[in-house]
Amino acid sequence: MIERMYDECVGAETRRLASVSDVALAAEIRTVLIAVLLCGDAWLAVLPSTPERQDRARVEILAALRDQLVLAGPTAAVDELAALAAPVLNRFWPTSAGAAGPLAESVEMLRAVVMHRLAHVRAARAEATGWDTTQP
């Protein structure tokens, strides 16, 4: 009895995740990318006029992200937005006090959406498709 209830709950959650549209996923990614840019703006406002080499690289990544996000436009696909996030996710963002903290937190939110949520939705879609093709 309990096993059946568990299976039903898992099945319902899998179906719910599988039903998340690419449009909704793209909107989530775009929202978090914009949050990264806004936190980046706050960080840039307090950055010394002669930043360290690592900070200059971070500044370049944020500038490139801003340019690419504008070029991609509001109808950019999920995979295109995920690709824009890659340079941000491949860089270390210090969690020090001040404006760097919220920037690092926004990068972690981006990581959660692009790497984890996207993977979970795609896995749920594959699982649900498997169920649908094996049922008579």
C-alpha atoms as a PDB file:
ATOM      1  CA  MET A   1       0.000   0.000   0.000  1.00  0.00           C
ATOM      2  CA  ILE A   2       2.672   2.504   1.042  1.00  0.00           C
ATOM      3  CA  GLU A   3       4.866   1.451  -1.882  1.00  0.00           C
ATOM      4  CA  ARG A   4       2.011   2.122  -4.304  1.00  0.00           C
ATOM      5  CA  MET A   5       1.380   5.576  -2.764  1.00  0.00           C
ATOM      6  CA  TYR A   6       5.092   6.347  -3.048  1.00  0.00           C
ATOM      7  CA  ASP A   7       5.120   5.272  -6.703  1.00  0.00           C
ATOM      8  CA  GLU A   8       2.084   7.441  -7.404  1.00  0.00           C
ATOM      9  CA  CYS A   9       3.725  10.461  -5.741  1.00  0.00           C
ATOM     10  CA  VAL A  10       6.958   9.925  -7.646  1.00  0.00           C
ATOM     11  CA  GLY A  11       5.010   9.462 -10.864  1.00  0.00           C
ATOM     12  CA  ALA A  12       3.020  12.644 -10.291  1.00  0.00           C
ATOM     13  CA  GLU A  13       6.156  14.655  -9.532  1.00  0.00           C
ATOM     14  CA  THR A  14       7.918  13.221 -12.572  1.00  0.00           C
ATOM     15  CA  ARG A  15       4.952  14.148 -14.774  1.00  0.00           C
ATOM     16  CA  ARG A  16       4.877  17.642 -13.256  1.00  0.00           C
ATOM     17  CA  LEU A  17       8.560  18.165 -13.999  1.00  0.00           C
ATOM     18  CA  ALA A  18       8.180  16.679 -17.476  1.00  0.00           C
ATOM     19  CA  SER A  19       5.418  19.169 -18.233  1.00  0.00           C
ATOM     20  CA  VAL A  20       7.659  22.208 -17.689  1.00  0.00           C
ATOM     21  CA  SER A  21       7.899  23.810 -21.108  1.00  0.00           C
ATOM     22  CA  ASP A  22      11.063  24.997 -22.803  1.00  0.00           C
ATOM     23  CA  VAL A  23       9.558  28.497 -22.806  1.00  0.00           C
ATOM     24  CA  ALA A  24       9.246  28.359 -19.007  1.00  0.00           C
ATOM     25  CA  LEU A  25      12.780  26.994 -18.635  1.00  0.00           C
ATOM     26  CA  ALA A  26      14.151  29.718 -20.898  1.00  0.00           C
ATOM     27  CA  ALA A  27      12.324  32.340 -18.828  1.00  0.00           C
ATOM     28  CA  GLU A  28      13.831  30.938 -15.613  1.00  0.00           C
ATOM     29  CA  ILE A  29      17.340  30.959 -17.054  1.00  0.00           C
ATOM     30  CA  ARG A  30      16.915  34.456 -18.499  1.00  0.00           C
ATOM     31  CA  THR A  31      15.639  35.762 -15.145  1.00  0.00           C
ATOM     32  CA  VAL A  32      18.646  34.395 -13.279  1.00  0.00           C
ATOM     33  CA  LEU A  33      21.072  35.641 -15.944  1.00  0.00           C
ATOM     34  CA  ILE A  34      19.606  39.120 -15.470  1.00  0.00           C
ATOM     35  CA  ALA A  35      19.972  38.751 -11.694  1.00  0.00           C
ATOM     36  CA  VAL A  36      23.649  37.897 -12.211  1.00  0.00           C
ATOM     37  CA  LEU A  37      24.072  41.008 -14.329  1.00  0.00           C
ATOM     38  CA  LEU A  38      22.301  43.218 -11.778  1.00  0.00           C
ATOM     39  CA  CYS A  39      24.430  41.861  -8.939  1.00  0.00           C
ATOM     40  CA  GLY A  40      27.444  42.264 -11.208  1.00  0.00           C
ATOM     41  CA  ASP A  41      26.570  45.927 -11.702  1.00  0.00           C
ATOM     42  CA  ALA A  42      26.498  46.438  -7.930  1.00  0.00           C
ATOM     43  CA  TRP A  43      29.841  44.665  -7.631  1.00  0.00           C
ATOM     44  CA  LEU A  44      31.358  46.738 -10.433  1.00  0.00           C
ATOM     45  CA  ALA A  45      30.247  49.930  -8.700  1.00  0.00           C
ATOM     46  CA  VAL A  46      32.494  49.177  -5.717  1.00  0.00           C
ATOM     47  CA  LEU A  47      35.366  47.572  -7.612  1.00  0.00           C
ATOM     48  CA  PRO A  48      38.650  49.501  -7.357  1.00  0.00           C
ATOM     49  CA  SER A  49      39.599  51.487 -10.452  1.00  0.00           C
ATOM     50  CA  THR A  50      42.561  49.152 -10.956  1.00  0.00           C
ATOM     51  CA  PRO A  51      41.127  45.694 -10.304  1.00  0.00           C
ATOM     52  CA  GLU A  52      43.211  42.574  -9.907  1.00  0.00           C
ATOM     53  CA  ARG A  53      43.730  40.277 -12.890  1.00  0.00           C
ATOM     54  CA  GLN A  54      41.067  37.813 -11.707  1.00  0.00           C
ATOM     55  CA  ASP A  55      38.548  40.615 -11.257  1.00  0.00           C
ATOM     56  CA  ARG A  56      39.311  41.963 -14.743  1.00  0.00           C
ATOM     57  CA  ALA A  57      38.500  38.513 -16.150  1.00  0.00           C
ATOM     58  CA  ARG A  58      35.211  38.520 -14.218  1.00  0.00           C
ATOM     59  CA  VAL A  59      34.395  41.984 -15.561  1.00  0.00           C
ATOM     60  CA  GLU A  60      35.013  40.745 -19.111  1.00  0.00           C
ATOM     61  CA  ILE A  61      32.773  37.707 -18.563  1.00  0.00           C
ATOM     62  CA  LEU A  62      29.932  39.892 -17.291  1.00  0.00           C
ATOM     63  CA  ALA A  63      30.329  42.344 -20.188  1.00  0.00           C
ATOM     64  CA  ALA A  64      30.290  39.502 -22.709  1.00  0.00           C
ATOM     65  CA  LEU A  65      27.233  37.981 -21.036  1.00  0.00           C
ATOM     66  CA  ARG A  66      25.379  41.288 -21.230  1.00  0.00           C
ATOM     67  CA  ASP A  67      26.217  41.702 -24.935  1.00  0.00           C
ATOM     68  CA  GLN A  68      25.328  38.107 -25.813  1.00  0.00           C
ATOM     69  CA  LEU A  69      22.069  38.194 -23.867  1.00  0.00           C
ATOM     70  CA  VAL A  70      21.008  41.316 -25.751  1.00  0.00           C
ATOM     71  CA  LEU A  71      21.964  39.708 -29.076  1.00  0.00           C
ATOM     72  CA  ALA A  72      20.123  36.492 -28.206  1.00  0.00           C
ATOM     73  CA  GLY A  73      16.936  38.445 -27.663  1.00  0.00           C
ATOM     74  CA  PRO A  74      13.798  37.540 -25.754  1.00  0.00           C
ATOM     75  CA  THR A  75      13.104  34.405 -27.788  1.00  0.00           C
ATOM     76  CA  ALA A  76      16.435  32.675 -27.181  1.00  0.00           C
ATOM     77  CA  ALA A  77      16.169  28.923 -26.743  1.00  0.00           C
ATOM     78  CA  VAL A  78      17.004  27.058 -23.537  1.00  0.00           C
ATOM     79  CA  ASP A  79      20.236  25.603 -24.909  1.00  0.00           C
ATOM     80  CA  GLU A  80      21.354  28.999 -26.208  1.00  0.00           C
ATOM     81  CA  LEU A  81      20.793  30.593 -22.795  1.00  0.00           C
ATOM     82  CA  ALA A  82      22.525  27.704 -21.049  1.00  0.00           C
ATOM     83  CA  ALA A  83      25.514  28.206 -23.343  1.00  0.00           C
ATOM     84  CA  LEU A  84      25.606  31.903 -22.401  1.00  0.00           C
ATOM     85  CA  ALA A  85      25.777  30.865 -18.751  1.00  0.00           C
ATOM     86  CA  ALA A  86      28.753  28.547 -19.231  1.00  0.00           C
ATOM     87  CA  PRO A  87      31.557  31.151 -18.923  1.00  0.00           C
ATOM     88  CA  VAL A  88      29.963  32.509 -15.745  1.00  0.00           C
ATOM     89  CA  LEU A  89      29.647  29.031 -14.259  1.00  0.00           C
ATOM     90  CA  ASN A  90      33.216  28.118 -15.192  1.00  0.00           C
ATOM     91  CA  ARG A  91      34.671  31.014 -13.188  1.00  0.00           C
ATOM     92  CA  PHE A  92      35.194  31.198  -9.414  1.00  0.00           C
ATOM     93  CA  TRP A  93      33.175  34.010  -7.817  1.00  0.00           C
ATOM     94  CA  PRO A  94      34.385  34.936  -4.315  1.00  0.00           C
ATOM     95  CA  THR A  95      31.779  35.033  -1.575  1.00  0.00           C
ATOM     96  CA  SER A  96      33.429  37.824   0.364  1.00  0.00           C
ATOM     97  CA  ALA A  97      31.549  40.584   2.119  1.00  0.00           C
ATOM     98  CA  GLY A  98      30.016  43.492   0.288  1.00  0.00           C
ATOM     99  CA  ALA A  99      28.724  43.371  -3.259  1.00  0.00           C
ATOM    100  CA  ALA A 100      30.710  40.234  -4.123  1.00  0.00           C
ATOM    101  CA  GLY A 101      28.502  38.122  -1.841  1.00  0.00           C
ATOM    102  CA  PRO A 102      25.212  38.692  -3.682  1.00  0.00           C
ATOM    103  CA  LEU A 103      27.005  38.233  -7.006  1.00  0.00           C
ATOM    104  CA  ALA A 104      28.334  34.830  -5.897  1.00  0.00           C
ATOM    105  CA  GLU A 105      24.844  33.902  -4.638  1.00  0.00           C
ATOM    106  CA  SER A 106      23.274  34.841  -7.974  1.00  0.00           C
ATOM    107  CA  VAL A 107      25.871  32.710  -9.768  1.00  0.00           C
ATOM    108  CA  GLU A 108      24.906  29.784  -7.528  1.00  0.00           C
ATOM    109  CA  MET A 109      21.236  30.355  -8.405  1.00  0.00           C
ATOM    110  CA  LEU A 110      22.250  30.271 -12.066  1.00  0.00           C
ATOM    111  CA  ARG A 111      24.106  27.017 -11.458  1.00  0.00           C
ATOM    112  CA  ALA A 112      21.020  25.512  -9.803  1.00  0.00           C
ATOM    113  CA  VAL A 113      18.770  26.431 -12.726  1.00  0.00           C
ATOM    114  CA  VAL A 114      21.114  25.679 -15.628  1.00  0.00           C
ATOM    115  CA  MET A 115      22.795  22.575 -14.304  1.00  0.00           C
ATOM    116  CA  HIS A 116      20.313  21.002 -11.911  1.00  0.00           C
ATOM    117  CA  ARG A 117      16.783  22.116 -12.808  1.00  0.00           C
ATOM    118  CA  LEU A 118      17.402  21.699 -16.532  1.00  0.00           C
ATOM    119  CA  ALA A 119      18.831  18.213 -15.970  1.00  0.00           C
ATOM    120  CA  HIS A 120      15.921  17.222 -13.725  1.00  0.00           C
ATOM    121  CA  VAL A 121      13.322  18.399 -16.236  1.00  0.00           C
ATOM    122  CA  ARG A 122      15.046  16.598 -19.105  1.00  0.00           C
ATOM    123  CA  ALA A 123      15.376  13.401 -17.072  1.00  0.00           C
ATOM    124  CA  ALA A 124      11.698  13.587 -16.115  1.00  0.00           C
ATOM    125  CA  ARG A 125      10.738  14.041 -19.759  1.00  0.00           C
ATOM    126  CA  ALA A 126      12.758  10.987 -20.733  1.00  0.00           C
ATOM    127  CA  GLU A 127      11.228   8.957 -17.913  1.00  0.00           C
ATOM    128  CA  ALA A 128       7.671  10.006 -18.789  1.00  0.00           C
ATOM    129  CA  THR A 129       8.263   9.280 -22.464  1.00  0.00           C
ATOM    130  CA  GLY A 130       9.513   5.833 -21.505  1.00  0.00           C
ATOM    131  CA  TRP A 131       6.362   5.197 -19.506  1.00  0.00           C
ATOM    132  CA  ASP A 132       4.154   6.394 -22.345  1.00  0.00           C
ATOM    133  CA  THR A 133       5.828   4.190 -24.959  1.00  0.00           C
ATOM    134  CA  THR A 134       5.683   1.018 -22.838  1.00  0.00           C
ATOM    135  CA  GLN A 135       2.009   1.288 -21.924  1.00  0.00           C
ATOM    136  CA  PRO A 136      -0.459  -0.629 -24.122  1.00  0.00           C
END
